[in-house]
Amino acid sequence: MRRFVPPAIAGLALVAAAAGTAWGIPTEGAQRLDVAEGRAAGAGGQGLAMYRVTIPRGTTLDWHYHPGTQVAWIMRGKLLYSVVKGTAFETIPRPGGPPRRIPIRAGTRAVIEQGHGLLEPRGMQHYASTPYGQVITIVTVLKPPRMLGTINIAPAADSPFPPSAPR
């Protein structure tokens, strides 16, 4: 179901969400540590940022997207990852070769295991939950300057499928 939100109200909601939380994710307990940030030489004025995100067991992050490509590495635990629009890619490291890329398409979900990565192309919509235990993620973001790292669309409860049911 689509909702019409006047642009002025949507903008105020975005600013309020960003001001209320470090990452614009209004979920109790999820914490972000800013590790490093700077301009990416030769990337057309875009910036690089690295974050360590800790998401406690039983947490569901809101349905959202990123204005720039984001890559993540699951350091510990498992993440139940759900794609609403677009395609993300689970990346599985292979010693001596490029990582194996497994597409996660709209309307599907995947359990991203410890040691695996995640590639989220710009603008693809998704949410995630941690029904299996604590998850700590290292996240590197390529983003346009002066833009929020996350833009929330709706609570995960409004998503097309329930966040707690594994694929």
C-alpha atoms as a PDB file:
ATOM      1  CA  MET A   1       0.000   0.000   0.000  1.00  0.00           C
ATOM      2  CA  ARG A   2       1.436   3.373  -1.014  1.00  0.00           C
ATOM      3  CA  ARG A   3       1.017   6.389   1.224  1.00  0.00           C
ATOM      4  CA  PHE A   4       1.129   9.999   0.091  1.00  0.00           C
ATOM      5  CA  VAL A   5       3.223  12.169   2.372  1.00  0.00           C
ATOM      6  CA  PRO A   6       3.576  15.852   1.452  1.00  0.00           C
ATOM      7  CA  PRO A   7       7.265  16.639   0.705  1.00  0.00           C
ATOM      8  CA  ALA A   8       7.552  19.205   3.514  1.00  0.00           C
ATOM      9  CA  ILE A   9       6.295  16.716   6.116  1.00  0.00           C
ATOM     10  CA  ALA A  10       8.507  13.936   4.721  1.00  0.00           C
ATOM     11  CA  GLY A  11      11.539  16.227   4.939  1.00  0.00           C
ATOM     12  CA  LEU A  12      10.762  17.168   8.552  1.00  0.00           C
ATOM     13  CA  ALA A  13      10.306  13.502   9.452  1.00  0.00           C
ATOM     14  CA  LEU A  14      13.694  12.665   7.914  1.00  0.00           C
ATOM     15  CA  VAL A  15      15.441  15.438   9.839  1.00  0.00           C
ATOM     16  CA  ALA A  16      13.725  14.382  13.065  1.00  0.00           C
ATOM     17  CA  ALA A  17      14.724  10.740  12.540  1.00  0.00           C
ATOM     18  CA  ALA A  18      18.333  11.685  11.848  1.00  0.00           C
ATOM     19  CA  ALA A  19      18.472  13.996  14.851  1.00  0.00           C
ATOM     20  CA  GLY A  20      16.946  11.370  17.133  1.00  0.00           C
ATOM     21  CA  THR A  21      19.361   8.592  16.233  1.00  0.00           C
ATOM     22  CA  ALA A  22      22.902   8.388  14.933  1.00  0.00           C
ATOM     23  CA  TRP A  23      21.871   6.589  11.746  1.00  0.00           C
ATOM     24  CA  GLY A  24      18.247   7.531  11.259  1.00  0.00           C
ATOM     25  CA  ILE A  25      17.166   4.045  12.385  1.00  0.00           C
ATOM     26  CA  PRO A  26      14.664   4.496  15.230  1.00  0.00           C
ATOM     27  CA  THR A  27      15.269   1.061  16.746  1.00  0.00           C
ATOM     28  CA  GLU A  28      16.017   0.702  20.431  1.00  0.00           C
ATOM     29  CA  GLY A  29      19.426  -0.800  21.096  1.00  0.00           C
ATOM     30  CA  ALA A  30      21.026  -0.606  17.623  1.00  0.00           C
ATOM     31  CA  GLN A  31      24.265   1.346  17.993  1.00  0.00           C
ATOM     32  CA  ARG A  32      26.614   2.870  15.407  1.00  0.00           C
ATOM     33  CA  LEU A  33      30.233   3.785  15.998  1.00  0.00           C
ATOM     34  CA  ASP A  34      31.707   6.117  13.376  1.00  0.00           C
ATOM     35  CA  VAL A  35      35.152   4.680  12.569  1.00  0.00           C
ATOM     36  CA  ALA A  36      36.371   6.894   9.691  1.00  0.00           C
ATOM     37  CA  GLU A  37      35.019   9.300   7.069  1.00  0.00           C
ATOM     38  CA  GLY A  38      36.544  11.325   4.242  1.00  0.00           C
ATOM     39  CA  ARG A  39      36.418  12.245   0.568  1.00  0.00           C
ATOM     40  CA  ALA A  40      37.191   9.506  -1.944  1.00  0.00           C
ATOM     41  CA  ALA A  41      39.860  10.735  -4.366  1.00  0.00           C
ATOM     42  CA  GLY A  42      38.742  10.386  -7.987  1.00  0.00           C
ATOM     43  CA  ALA A  43      35.138   9.524  -7.054  1.00  0.00           C
ATOM     44  CA  GLY A  44      33.438  12.699  -8.260  1.00  0.00           C
ATOM     45  CA  GLY A  45      33.196  14.391  -4.865  1.00  0.00           C
ATOM     46  CA  GLN A  46      31.695  11.379  -3.115  1.00  0.00           C
ATOM     47  CA  GLY A  47      32.754  10.376   0.342  1.00  0.00           C
ATOM     48  CA  LEU A  48      33.730   7.148   2.043  1.00  0.00           C
ATOM     49  CA  ALA A  49      32.597   6.330   5.557  1.00  0.00           C
ATOM     50  CA  MET A  50      33.125   3.280   7.757  1.00  0.00           C
ATOM     51  CA  TYR A  51      30.877   2.357  10.664  1.00  0.00           C
ATOM     52  CA  ARG A  52      30.695  -0.441  13.205  1.00  0.00           C
ATOM     53  CA  VAL A  53      27.042  -1.249  13.834  1.00  0.00           C
ATOM     54  CA  THR A  54      25.879  -3.420  16.728  1.00  0.00           C
ATOM     55  CA  ILE A  55      22.355  -4.803  16.440  1.00  0.00           C
ATOM     56  CA  PRO A  56      21.064  -6.741  19.474  1.00  0.00           C
ATOM     57  CA  ARG A  57      19.119 -10.014  19.287  1.00  0.00           C
ATOM     58  CA  GLY A  58      15.439  -9.600  18.466  1.00  0.00           C
ATOM     59  CA  THR A  59      15.866  -6.219  16.733  1.00  0.00           C
ATOM     60  CA  THR A  60      14.212  -5.319  13.427  1.00  0.00           C
ATOM     61  CA  LEU A  61      15.538  -2.318  11.528  1.00  0.00           C
ATOM     62  CA  ASP A  62      13.072  -0.186   9.581  1.00  0.00           C
ATOM     63  CA  TRP A  63      12.501  -0.565   5.843  1.00  0.00           C
ATOM     64  CA  HIS A  64      15.033   1.837   4.269  1.00  0.00           C
ATOM     65  CA  TYR A  65      17.523   2.577   1.492  1.00  0.00           C
ATOM     66  CA  HIS A  66      20.889   4.303   1.150  1.00  0.00           C
ATOM     67  CA  PRO A  67      21.575   7.159  -1.316  1.00  0.00           C
ATOM     68  CA  GLY A  68      24.980   5.611  -2.118  1.00  0.00           C
ATOM     69  CA  THR A  69      26.270   2.055  -2.565  1.00  0.00           C
ATOM     70  CA  GLN A  70      26.913   0.327   0.740  1.00  0.00           C
ATOM     71  CA  VAL A  71      28.987  -2.742   1.538  1.00  0.00           C
ATOM     72  CA  ALA A  72      28.912  -4.580   4.860  1.00  0.00           C
ATOM     73  CA  TRP A  73      30.787  -7.441   6.510  1.00  0.00           C
ATOM     74  CA  ILE A  74      29.132  -9.550   9.212  1.00  0.00           C
ATOM     75  CA  MET A  75      31.762  -9.983  11.923  1.00  0.00           C
ATOM     76  CA  ARG A  76      29.672 -12.019  14.362  1.00  0.00           C
ATOM     77  CA  GLY A  77      26.226 -13.603  14.339  1.00  0.00           C
ATOM     78  CA  LYS A  78      23.639 -13.935  11.566  1.00  0.00           C
ATOM     79  CA  LEU A  79      21.473 -11.305   9.906  1.00  0.00           C
ATOM     80  CA  LEU A  80      18.040 -12.055   8.412  1.00  0.00           C
ATOM     81  CA  TYR A  81      18.074  -9.702   5.421  1.00  0.00           C
ATOM     82  CA  SER A  82      14.934  -8.857   3.399  1.00  0.00           C
ATOM     83  CA  VAL A  83      14.840  -7.064   0.025  1.00  0.00           C
ATOM     84  CA  VAL A  84      11.737  -5.022  -0.787  1.00  0.00           C
ATOM     85  CA  LYS A  85      12.805  -3.356  -4.081  1.00  0.00           C
ATOM     86  CA  GLY A  86      15.891  -3.916  -6.235  1.00  0.00           C
ATOM     87  CA  THR A  87      18.610  -6.529  -5.794  1.00  0.00           C
ATOM     88  CA  ALA A  88      21.314  -6.858  -3.135  1.00  0.00           C
ATOM     89  CA  PHE A  89      24.191  -9.346  -3.255  1.00  0.00           C
ATOM     90  CA  GLU A  90      25.465 -11.622  -0.516  1.00  0.00           C
ATOM     91  CA  THR A  91      29.228 -11.937  -0.975  1.00  0.00           C
ATOM     92  CA  ILE A  92      31.085 -15.031   0.186  1.00  0.00           C
ATOM     93  CA  PRO A  93      34.871 -14.635   0.437  1.00  0.00           C
ATOM     94  CA  ARG A  94      37.051 -17.155  -1.447  1.00  0.00           C
ATOM     95  CA  PRO A  95      40.758 -17.275  -0.598  1.00  0.00           C
ATOM     96  CA  GLY A  96      42.827 -16.502  -3.689  1.00  0.00           C
ATOM     97  CA  GLY A  97      39.873 -15.302  -5.755  1.00  0.00           C
ATOM     98  CA  PRO A  98      37.066 -12.778  -5.969  1.00  0.00           C
ATOM     99  CA  PRO A  99      34.104 -13.255  -3.627  1.00  0.00           C
ATOM    100  CA  ARG A 100      31.150 -15.303  -4.822  1.00  0.00           C
ATOM    101  CA  ARG A 101      28.121 -13.017  -5.362  1.00  0.00           C
ATOM    102  CA  ILE A 102      24.636 -14.401  -4.697  1.00  0.00           C
ATOM    103  CA  PRO A 103      21.725 -12.135  -5.688  1.00  0.00           C
ATOM    104  CA  ILE A 104      18.954 -11.410  -3.186  1.00  0.00           C
ATOM    105  CA  ARG A 105      16.046 -10.118  -5.260  1.00  0.00           C
ATOM    106  CA  ALA A 106      12.960  -8.107  -4.316  1.00  0.00           C
ATOM    107  CA  GLY A 107      10.442 -10.157  -2.357  1.00  0.00           C
ATOM    108  CA  THR A 108      13.055 -12.571  -1.004  1.00  0.00           C
ATOM    109  CA  ARG A 109      15.253 -12.810   2.063  1.00  0.00           C
ATOM    110  CA  ALA A 110      18.519 -14.429   3.017  1.00  0.00           C
ATOM    111  CA  VAL A 111      20.359 -15.342   6.188  1.00  0.00           C
ATOM    112  CA  ILE A 112      23.735 -13.603   5.958  1.00  0.00           C
ATOM    113  CA  GLU A 113      26.252 -15.648   7.953  1.00  0.00           C
ATOM    114  CA  GLN A 114      29.247 -14.544   9.993  1.00  0.00           C
ATOM    115  CA  GLY A 115      32.197 -13.762   7.703  1.00  0.00           C
ATOM    116  CA  HIS A 116      29.996 -13.061   4.672  1.00  0.00           C
ATOM    117  CA  GLY A 117      29.540  -9.671   3.074  1.00  0.00           C
ATOM    118  CA  LEU A 118      26.658  -7.730   1.624  1.00  0.00           C
ATOM    119  CA  LEU A 119      26.588  -5.347  -1.360  1.00  0.00           C
ATOM    120  CA  GLU A 120      23.640  -2.930  -1.421  1.00  0.00           C
ATOM    121  CA  PRO A 121      23.418  -0.903  -4.651  1.00  0.00           C
ATOM    122  CA  ARG A 122      22.268   2.704  -4.360  1.00  0.00           C
ATOM    123  CA  GLY A 123      18.545   3.089  -3.728  1.00  0.00           C
ATOM    124  CA  MET A 124      17.595  -0.593  -3.278  1.00  0.00           C
ATOM    125  CA  GLN A 125      15.047  -0.966  -0.457  1.00  0.00           C
ATOM    126  CA  HIS A 126      15.527  -3.432   2.380  1.00  0.00           C
ATOM    127  CA  TYR A 127      15.280  -4.165   6.098  1.00  0.00           C
ATOM    128  CA  ALA A 128      16.940  -6.634   8.439  1.00  0.00           C
ATOM    129  CA  SER A 129      16.390  -8.406  11.726  1.00  0.00           C
ATOM    130  CA  THR A 130      18.426 -10.392  14.233  1.00  0.00           C
ATOM    131  CA  PRO A 131      16.370 -13.382  15.379  1.00  0.00           C
ATOM    132  CA  TYR A 132      19.492 -15.562  15.811  1.00  0.00           C
ATOM    133  CA  GLY A 133      21.617 -13.579  18.292  1.00  0.00           C
ATOM    134  CA  GLN A 134      23.750 -10.471  18.452  1.00  0.00           C
ATOM    135  CA  VAL A 135      25.085  -9.174  15.152  1.00  0.00           C
ATOM    136  CA  ILE A 136      28.022  -6.819  14.764  1.00  0.00           C
ATOM    137  CA  THR A 137      28.545  -5.368  11.306  1.00  0.00           C
ATOM    138  CA  ILE A 138      31.365  -3.364   9.784  1.00  0.00           C
ATOM    139  CA  VAL A 139      29.826  -1.110   7.172  1.00  0.00           C
ATOM    140  CA  THR A 140      31.579   0.956   4.508  1.00  0.00           C
ATOM    141  CA  VAL A 141      29.454   3.508   2.687  1.00  0.00           C
ATOM    142  CA  LEU A 142      30.075   5.324  -0.593  1.00  0.00           C
ATOM    143  CA  LYS A 143      27.729   8.288  -0.465  1.00  0.00           C
ATOM    144  CA  PRO A 144      27.218  11.704  -2.034  1.00  0.00           C
ATOM    145  CA  PRO A 145      28.453  14.521   0.244  1.00  0.00           C
ATOM    146  CA  ARG A 146      26.007  16.096   2.730  1.00  0.00           C
ATOM    147  CA  MET A 147      23.432  13.293   2.432  1.00  0.00           C
ATOM    148  CA  LEU A 148      22.098  11.083   5.180  1.00  0.00           C
ATOM    149  CA  GLY A 149      23.487   7.567   5.218  1.00  0.00           C
ATOM    150  CA  THR A 150      20.034   5.976   5.533  1.00  0.00           C
ATOM    151  CA  ILE A 151      16.583   7.095   4.422  1.00  0.00           C
ATOM    152  CA  ASN A 152      13.736   5.318   6.213  1.00  0.00           C
ATOM    153  CA  ILE A 153      10.611   4.451   4.233  1.00  0.00           C
ATOM    154  CA  ALA A 154       8.400   2.722   6.798  1.00  0.00           C
ATOM    155  CA  PRO A 155       8.507   0.515   9.866  1.00  0.00           C
ATOM    156  CA  ALA A 156       9.337  -3.065   8.988  1.00  0.00           C
ATOM    157  CA  ALA A 157       5.810  -4.016  10.106  1.00  0.00           C
ATOM    158  CA  ASP A 158       4.585  -2.319   6.888  1.00  0.00           C
ATOM    159  CA  SER A 159       6.857  -4.480   4.747  1.00  0.00           C
ATOM    160  CA  PRO A 160       5.448  -6.967   2.243  1.00  0.00           C
ATOM    161  CA  PHE A 161       6.412 -10.014   4.335  1.00  0.00           C
ATOM    162  CA  PRO A 162       6.991 -10.580   8.047  1.00  0.00           C
ATOM    163  CA  PRO A 163      10.603  -9.967   9.167  1.00  0.00           C
ATOM    164  CA  SER A 164      10.828 -12.958  11.506  1.00  0.00           C
ATOM    165  CA  ALA A 165      10.110 -15.786   9.040  1.00  0.00           C
ATOM    166  CA  PRO A 166      13.323 -17.227   7.534  1.00  0.00           C
ATOM    167  CA  ARG A 167      13.477 -17.963   3.812  1.00  0.00           C
END
